[in-house]
Protein backbone atom coordinates (compact mmCIF):
# COMPACT_ATOMS: atom_id res chain seq x y z
CA MET A 1 0.00 0.00 0.00
CA PRO A 2 1.47 3.43 -0.85
CA THR A 3 2.50 5.66 2.03
CA ALA A 4 0.46 8.71 2.97
CA ALA A 5 3.01 10.99 1.32
CA GLU A 6 2.66 9.13 -1.97
CA ARG A 7 -1.11 9.21 -2.26
CA ALA A 8 -4.03 11.57 -1.96
CA LEU A 9 -5.96 9.07 0.16
CA ARG A 10 -5.49 8.79 3.92
CA VAL A 11 -6.02 5.33 5.41
CA PHE A 12 -6.39 4.47 9.09
CA THR A 13 -7.05 1.10 10.67
CA THR A 14 -8.80 0.48 14.00
CA CYS A 15 -7.20 -0.98 17.09
CA PRO A 16 -8.72 -4.05 18.75
CA PRO A 17 -11.37 -3.09 21.34
CA SER A 18 -9.65 -3.77 24.66
CA GLY A 19 -12.96 -4.42 26.42
CA MET A 20 -13.23 -7.72 24.52
CA GLN A 21 -9.66 -8.95 25.15
CA GLU A 22 -8.14 -11.20 27.80
CA GLN A 23 -5.40 -9.53 29.82
CA SER A 24 -2.74 -11.98 28.65
CA SER A 25 -3.46 -11.43 24.95
CA CYS A 26 -4.57 -7.81 24.87
CA MET A 27 -1.21 -6.06 24.51
CA PRO A 28 0.45 -8.62 22.19
CA HIS A 29 -2.56 -8.46 19.85
CA LEU A 30 -2.64 -4.66 19.92
CA GLN A 31 1.05 -4.55 19.02
CA GLU A 32 0.54 -7.05 16.19
CA VAL A 33 -2.29 -5.03 14.66
CA ALA A 34 -0.27 -1.82 14.96
CA ARG A 35 2.69 -3.40 13.14
CA TRP A 36 0.44 -4.85 10.40
CA SER A 37 -1.05 -1.40 9.87
CA GLU A 38 2.33 0.30 9.70
CA GLU A 39 3.77 -2.33 7.34
CA ALA A 40 0.78 -1.75 5.05
CA GLY A 41 1.59 1.96 4.87
CA CYS A 42 -1.43 3.22 6.83
CA GLU A 43 -1.19 6.69 8.31
CA GLY A 44 -2.58 5.76 11.69
CA MET A 45 -4.88 3.71 13.90
CA LEU A 46 -8.16 4.67 15.54
CA VAL A 47 -8.16 4.19 19.33
CA PHE A 48 -11.58 3.79 20.94
CA SER A 49 -12.72 5.76 23.97
CA ASP A 50 -15.74 4.61 25.97
CA ASN A 51 -16.65 3.23 29.38
CA ARG A 52 -15.58 -0.33 28.49
CA GLN A 53 -12.13 0.34 27.00
CA LEU A 54 -8.65 0.86 28.40
CA ASP A 55 -7.53 4.46 28.68
CA PRO A 56 -7.01 5.63 25.06
CA TRP A 57 -3.89 7.64 25.90
CA LEU A 58 -2.13 4.65 27.44
CA VAL A 59 -3.14 2.55 24.44
CA SER A 60 -1.82 5.29 22.13
CA GLN A 61 1.50 5.32 23.94
CA ALA A 62 1.73 1.54 23.49
CA ILE A 63 1.05 1.94 19.74
CA ILE A 64 3.76 4.59 19.43
CA ALA A 65 6.25 2.50 21.40
CA CYS A 66 5.92 -0.58 19.14
CA THR A 67 6.00 1.24 15.77
CA THR A 68 8.22 3.81 14.06
CA LYS A 69 5.74 6.14 12.34
CA LEU A 70 2.13 4.97 12.86
CA CYS A 71 0.02 7.81 14.33
CA PRO A 72 -2.68 7.15 16.92
CA LEU A 73 -6.09 8.58 16.05
CA VAL A 74 -7.54 9.07 19.51
CA ALA A 75 -11.31 9.22 20.00
CA ILE A 76 -11.98 12.22 22.24
CA GLN A 77 -15.17 12.60 24.28
CA PRO A 78 -15.58 15.84 26.30
CA ALA A 79 -17.19 13.90 29.16
CA TYR A 80 -13.84 12.30 30.03
CA LEU A 81 -11.18 15.04 30.02
CA HIS A 82 -10.81 18.82 30.17
CA PRO A 83 -9.59 20.17 26.79
CA TYR A 84 -6.36 21.35 28.42
CA ALA A 85 -5.61 17.76 29.47
CA VAL A 86 -6.08 16.62 25.85
CA ALA A 87 -3.72 19.30 24.52
CA LYS A 88 -1.21 18.39 27.25
CA MET A 89 -1.33 14.70 26.28
CA ILE A 90 -0.71 15.53 22.62
CA ALA A 91 2.18 17.87 23.41
CA SER A 92 3.71 15.39 25.87
CA LEU A 93 3.55 12.38 23.53
CA SER A 94 4.91 14.46 20.64
CA PHE A 95 7.76 15.75 22.82
CA MET A 96 8.60 12.27 24.13
CA TYR A 97 8.40 10.38 20.82
CA GLY A 98 8.44 12.94 18.01
CA ARG A 99 5.19 11.38 16.76
CA ARG A 100 2.04 13.06 15.51
CA VAL A 101 -1.25 12.29 17.30
CA HIS A 102 -4.55 12.76 15.44
CA LEU A 103 -7.90 13.46 17.12
CA ASN A 104 -11.28 11.92 16.35
CA MET A 105 -13.71 14.27 18.09
CA VAL A 106 -16.93 12.52 19.11
CA ALA A 107 -19.91 14.02 20.89
CA GLY A 108 -20.77 10.84 22.77
CA GLY A 109 -21.72 7.26 22.04
CA PHE A 110 -24.22 5.16 23.93
CA ARG A 111 -26.67 7.06 26.08
CA ASN A 112 -26.09 4.69 29.02
CA ASP A 113 -22.41 5.64 29.14
CA LEU A 114 -23.25 9.34 29.30
CA GLU A 115 -25.97 8.88 31.90
CA ALA A 116 -23.53 6.94 34.10
CA LEU A 117 -21.34 10.05 34.02
CA ASN A 118 -24.35 12.29 34.75
CA ASP A 119 -24.12 13.86 31.29
CA ASN A 120 -27.66 14.39 30.02
CA THR A 121 -26.82 16.97 27.35
CA PRO A 122 -29.05 16.55 24.25
CA HIS A 123 -27.48 15.26 21.02
CA ASP A 124 -27.18 18.53 19.07
CA GLU A 125 -26.01 20.48 22.12
CA ARG A 126 -23.21 17.97 22.57
CA TYR A 127 -21.89 19.03 19.17
CA ALA A 128 -22.09 22.72 20.16
CA ARG A 129 -20.09 21.80 23.26
CA LEU A 130 -17.68 19.78 21.13
CA VAL A 131 -16.93 22.85 18.99
CA GLU A 132 -15.97 24.91 22.06
CA TYR A 133 -13.96 22.02 23.44
CA THR A 134 -12.01 21.61 20.19
CA ARG A 135 -11.49 25.37 19.85
CA ILE A 136 -9.62 25.38 23.15
CA ILE A 137 -7.44 22.44 22.06
CA GLN A 138 -6.68 24.16 18.76
CA GLY A 139 -5.94 27.46 20.48
CA LEU A 140 -3.46 25.81 22.84
CA LEU A 141 -1.73 23.73 20.17
CA TYR A 142 -1.66 26.22 17.28
CA SER A 143 -0.26 29.23 19.15
CA ASP A 144 2.49 29.86 21.67
CA ALA A 145 0.55 32.76 23.21
CA PRO A 146 -1.58 32.27 26.36
CA LEU A 147 -5.20 31.42 25.53
CA SER A 148 -8.30 33.11 26.90
CA PHE A 149 -11.66 31.72 25.84
CA GLU A 150 -15.19 32.17 27.13
CA GLY A 151 -18.09 30.17 25.72
CA ARG A 152 -21.30 28.60 26.90
CA TYR A 153 -19.63 25.42 28.18
CA TYR A 154 -15.96 26.30 28.79
CA LYS A 155 -13.91 29.23 30.02
CA VAL A 156 -10.13 29.55 30.36
CA ASN A 157 -7.97 32.57 31.22
CA ASN A 158 -4.37 33.11 30.05
CA LEU A 159 -3.86 29.36 29.72
CA LYS A 160 -0.51 28.37 28.24
CA LEU A 161 0.62 24.95 27.03
CA THR A 162 4.06 23.58 27.88
CA PRO A 163 5.85 22.01 26.10
CA ALA A 164 4.91 23.78 22.89
CA LEU A 165 3.95 21.52 19.98
CA PRO A 166 6.17 21.71 16.85
CA ARG A 167 4.23 22.86 13.77
CA GLU A 168 5.01 19.67 11.85
CA LEU A 169 3.32 17.59 14.57
CA LEU A 170 0.02 19.46 14.70
CA PRO A 171 -2.84 16.91 14.86
CA GLY A 172 -5.27 16.19 12.11
CA ILE A 173 -8.79 16.67 13.46
CA LEU A 174 -11.71 14.45 12.48
CA VAL A 175 -15.33 14.82 13.61
CA SER A 176 -18.21 12.36 13.37
CA GLY A 177 -20.28 13.92 10.59
CA SER A 178 -23.20 11.60 9.92
CA SER A 179 -25.75 13.97 11.49
CA GLU A 180 -26.44 17.56 10.46
CA ALA A 181 -25.10 18.77 13.81
CA GLY A 182 -21.92 16.74 13.34
CA MET A 183 -21.38 18.00 9.80
CA ALA A 184 -21.91 21.61 10.93
CA ALA A 185 -19.36 21.12 13.73
CA ALA A 186 -16.79 19.67 11.31
CA GLN A 187 -17.28 22.57 8.91
CA GLU A 188 -16.97 25.16 11.67
CA LEU A 189 -13.73 23.58 12.91
CA GLY A 190 -12.21 22.97 9.48
CA ALA A 191 -12.07 19.28 10.38
CA THR A 192 -12.56 16.14 8.30
CA ALA A 193 -16.16 14.95 8.66
CA ILE A 194 -16.31 11.16 9.06
CA GLU A 195 -19.48 9.37 7.96
CA TYR A 196 -20.78 5.84 8.01
CA PRO A 197 -21.46 5.65 4.30
CA LYS A 198 -24.55 4.76 2.36
CA PRO A 199 -24.16 2.65 -0.81
CA VAL A 200 -22.02 4.56 -3.27
CA SER A 201 -24.87 4.53 -5.79
CA GLU A 202 -26.63 7.09 -3.57
CA TYR A 203 -23.87 9.68 -4.00
CA GLY A 204 -23.27 12.03 -6.88
CA ALA A 205 -20.47 11.45 -9.37
CA VAL A 206 -19.04 14.92 -8.73
CA PRO A 207 -18.03 16.06 -5.22
CA PRO A 208 -19.89 19.10 -3.88
CA ALA A 209 -18.12 22.41 -4.35
CA ASP A 210 -18.09 23.22 -0.62
CA GLY A 211 -14.39 22.37 -0.20
CA TYR A 212 -14.95 20.45 3.05
CA LEU A 213 -12.86 17.41 3.90
CA LYS A 214 -14.80 14.16 4.18
CA GLY A 215 -14.09 10.56 5.07
CA ILE A 216 -15.84 7.27 5.76
CA ARG A 217 -15.55 4.36 8.13
CA ILE A 218 -15.71 1.06 6.27
CA GLY A 219 -14.66 -2.59 6.37
CA ILE A 220 -13.15 -4.31 3.34
CA ILE A 221 -12.89 -7.97 2.35
CA ALA A 222 -11.35 -8.39 -1.11
CA ARG A 223 -9.70 -11.19 -3.05
CA ALA A 224 -8.58 -11.74 -6.64
CA GLU A 225 -11.88 -13.50 -7.39
CA GLU A 226 -15.37 -12.31 -6.41
CA ALA A 227 -16.53 -15.75 -5.23
CA GLU A 228 -13.54 -16.19 -2.93
CA ALA A 229 -14.11 -12.80 -1.30
CA TRP A 230 -17.75 -13.61 -0.55
CA ALA A 231 -16.84 -17.06 0.78
CA VAL A 232 -14.38 -15.47 3.20
CA ALA A 233 -16.91 -12.80 4.19
CA ARG A 234 -19.73 -15.23 4.93
CA ALA A 235 -17.45 -17.57 6.87
CA ARG A 236 -16.14 -14.69 8.97
CA PHE A 237 -19.55 -13.16 9.63
CA PRO A 238 -22.22 -15.89 9.80
CA GLU A 239 -25.79 -15.09 10.79
CA ASP A 240 -26.04 -14.77 14.58
CA ARG A 241 -29.45 -14.36 16.24
CA ARG A 242 -27.94 -13.35 19.57
CA GLY A 243 -25.92 -10.66 17.81
CA GLN A 244 -29.05 -9.42 16.03
CA VAL A 245 -30.86 -9.05 19.37
CA THR A 246 -27.88 -7.17 20.80
CA ARG A 247 -27.93 -4.84 17.79
CA GLU A 248 -31.63 -4.17 18.33
CA LEU A 249 -30.98 -3.30 21.98
CA ALA A 250 -28.02 -1.08 21.05
CA ASN A 251 -30.17 0.77 18.57
CA LYS A 252 -32.68 1.53 21.32
CA VAL A 253 -30.09 3.07 23.68
CA SER A 254 -28.14 5.02 21.05
CA ASP A 255 -29.01 8.51 19.87
CA SER A 256 -26.26 8.42 17.24
CA HIS A 257 -27.62 9.38 13.83
CA TRP A 258 -25.36 6.91 12.00
CA HIS A 259 -26.56 3.97 14.09
CA HIS A 260 -30.19 4.50 13.08
CA GLN A 261 -29.19 5.28 9.48
CA LEU A 262 -27.38 1.96 9.06
CA THR A 263 -30.22 0.09 10.75
CA GLU A 264 -32.66 1.53 8.22
CA GLN A 265 -30.26 0.80 5.36
CA ALA A 266 -29.89 -2.83 6.48
CA ALA A 267 -33.65 -3.28 6.23
CA ALA A 268 -33.47 -2.69 2.47
CA PRO A 269 -30.38 -4.52 1.13
CA ILE A 270 -29.31 -3.95 -2.46
CA ALA A 271 -29.06 -7.04 -4.64
CA ASP A 272 -25.74 -7.80 -6.35
CA SER A 273 -23.94 -5.06 -4.45
CA ALA A 274 -20.49 -4.90 -2.86
CA TYR A 275 -22.06 -2.92 0.02
CA TRP A 276 -22.76 -5.39 2.85
CA LEU A 277 -24.35 -4.77 6.26
CA VAL A 278 -24.59 -8.31 7.66
CA PRO A 279 -21.64 -7.77 10.07
CA PHE A 280 -23.37 -4.63 11.39
CA GLN A 281 -26.75 -6.39 11.68
CA ASN A 282 -25.17 -9.21 13.69
CA TYR A 283 -23.27 -6.84 16.02
CA LYS A 284 -19.90 -7.99 14.68
CA ALA A 285 -18.91 -4.62 13.20
CA MET A 286 -19.85 -0.97 13.62
CA CYS A 287 -19.79 -0.01 9.96
CA PRO A 288 -20.68 -1.29 6.46
CA TYR A 289 -18.35 -3.61 4.53
CA LEU A 290 -17.34 -3.64 0.88
CA VAL A 291 -16.92 -7.19 -0.41
CA GLY A 292 -15.74 -8.45 -3.80
CA SER A 293 -12.80 -8.72 -6.16
CA TYR A 294 -9.92 -6.26 -5.93
CA GLU A 295 -11.14 -4.50 -9.03
CA ARG A 296 -14.75 -4.26 -7.94
CA VAL A 297 -14.02 -3.00 -4.42
CA ALA A 298 -11.39 -0.58 -5.76
CA ALA A 299 -14.00 0.76 -8.17
CA GLU A 300 -16.39 1.29 -5.23
CA VAL A 301 -13.67 3.06 -3.23
CA GLY A 302 -12.89 5.16 -6.30
CA ARG A 303 -16.52 6.22 -6.59
CA TYR A 304 -16.48 7.35 -2.95
CA VAL A 305 -13.33 9.33 -3.77
CA ASP A 306 -15.11 10.86 -6.75
CA SER A 307 -17.84 11.97 -4.34
CA GLY A 308 -15.29 13.76 -2.16
CA TYR A 309 -14.31 11.11 0.42
CA THR A 310 -10.52 10.88 0.76
CA THR A 311 -10.06 9.64 4.34
CA PHE A 312 -10.84 5.99 5.13
CA ILE A 313 -11.03 4.45 8.59
CA LEU A 314 -10.94 0.66 8.23
CA GLU A 315 -12.21 -1.98 10.61
CA GLU A 316 -9.66 -3.89 12.69
CA PRO A 317 -7.64 -6.22 10.39
CA VAL A 318 -7.76 -9.91 11.22
CA ASP A 319 -4.14 -10.54 10.21
CA ALA A 320 -1.24 -9.22 8.14
CA ALA A 321 -2.39 -11.15 5.06
CA GLU A 322 -5.77 -9.39 5.19
CA MET A 323 -3.98 -6.02 5.23
CA ARG A 324 -2.12 -7.06 2.08
CA HIS A 325 -5.43 -7.86 0.37
CA ILE A 326 -6.77 -4.45 1.40
CA GLY A 327 -3.55 -2.92 0.13
CA MET A 328 -4.30 -4.32 -3.33
CA VAL A 329 -7.60 -2.44 -3.28
CA PHE A 330 -6.06 0.87 -2.30
CA GLU A 331 -3.24 0.55 -4.82
CA ARG A 332 -5.88 0.36 -7.54
CA ALA A 333 -8.03 3.09 -5.97
CA THR A 334 -4.99 5.37 -5.67
CA ARG A 335 -4.28 4.98 -9.37
CA HIS A 336 -7.90 5.86 -10.03
CA ALA A 337 -7.59 8.98 -7.88
CA ALA A 338 -4.37 10.02 -9.62
CA VAL A 339 -5.97 9.67 -13.06
CA ALA A 340 -9.07 11.57 -11.93
CA ALA A 341 -6.91 14.41 -10.59
């Protein structure tokens, strides 16, 4: 897979969810997945942040320590840390390791998690709060001058960050953009809006002229032959009634726009399509999958690129060989993007 510097597309993988790992295998598996991702040329790895996971900053440090250039993409929820603490973590890790740390700004996941923290802020207001929160982080990281900020949710006075962050290590900022409130927050912050995509047939062939950065979260299973890819996919994600019930329960306790969007999409599958929601329906994945031959899946990725999506966050890879298969897809999609440019 080409490196980030050699391609217009940015590719991130996802780290294993620590809440589902045994203590003895958790760190070795995390390190394996980080190395697979780096060897494949990915820019970074998404690190989850919720009530069931290990601390994302400690996980990020472990990722940095076992790789040479892979960048953690840390999911940030305002309910967990003051924005100064986030900026301090970024500056400290960058100072210690000379590594960039990206931020995936999220307004909150499952309602039960937020209620356990006594955070009952409505969905759209959480995005308004997220904008203020991110503004403080940006103000601390992007300038050496003391920061004063007064908003509805946060106020700081003459706050200065030490150590200062070198310009070349400034974080990329991503925001969940599946809802209107999320998209508006991403646009206001100049961030990349990350969506859980609909089938590519529902997007236009020409990206909108708004100039905003966009990305998608997606899983990929691809092989040289279409039949082989689908055989692998169905063996990996068989029908699971217990998983389907869990998905139904999760849908009831989530106010995330993308969760309900994918649930509705799964109710009307498209025949003969590479777009596949069975893993999502069976609570085995949190995003759609693209399944098929290298050429077919690369063509689908290329059509997303044509519609303006240039950042891709992939599901956790099952092994290094799977990353090589995915690499074949992105090599072809990168050529497509270069020709289109």
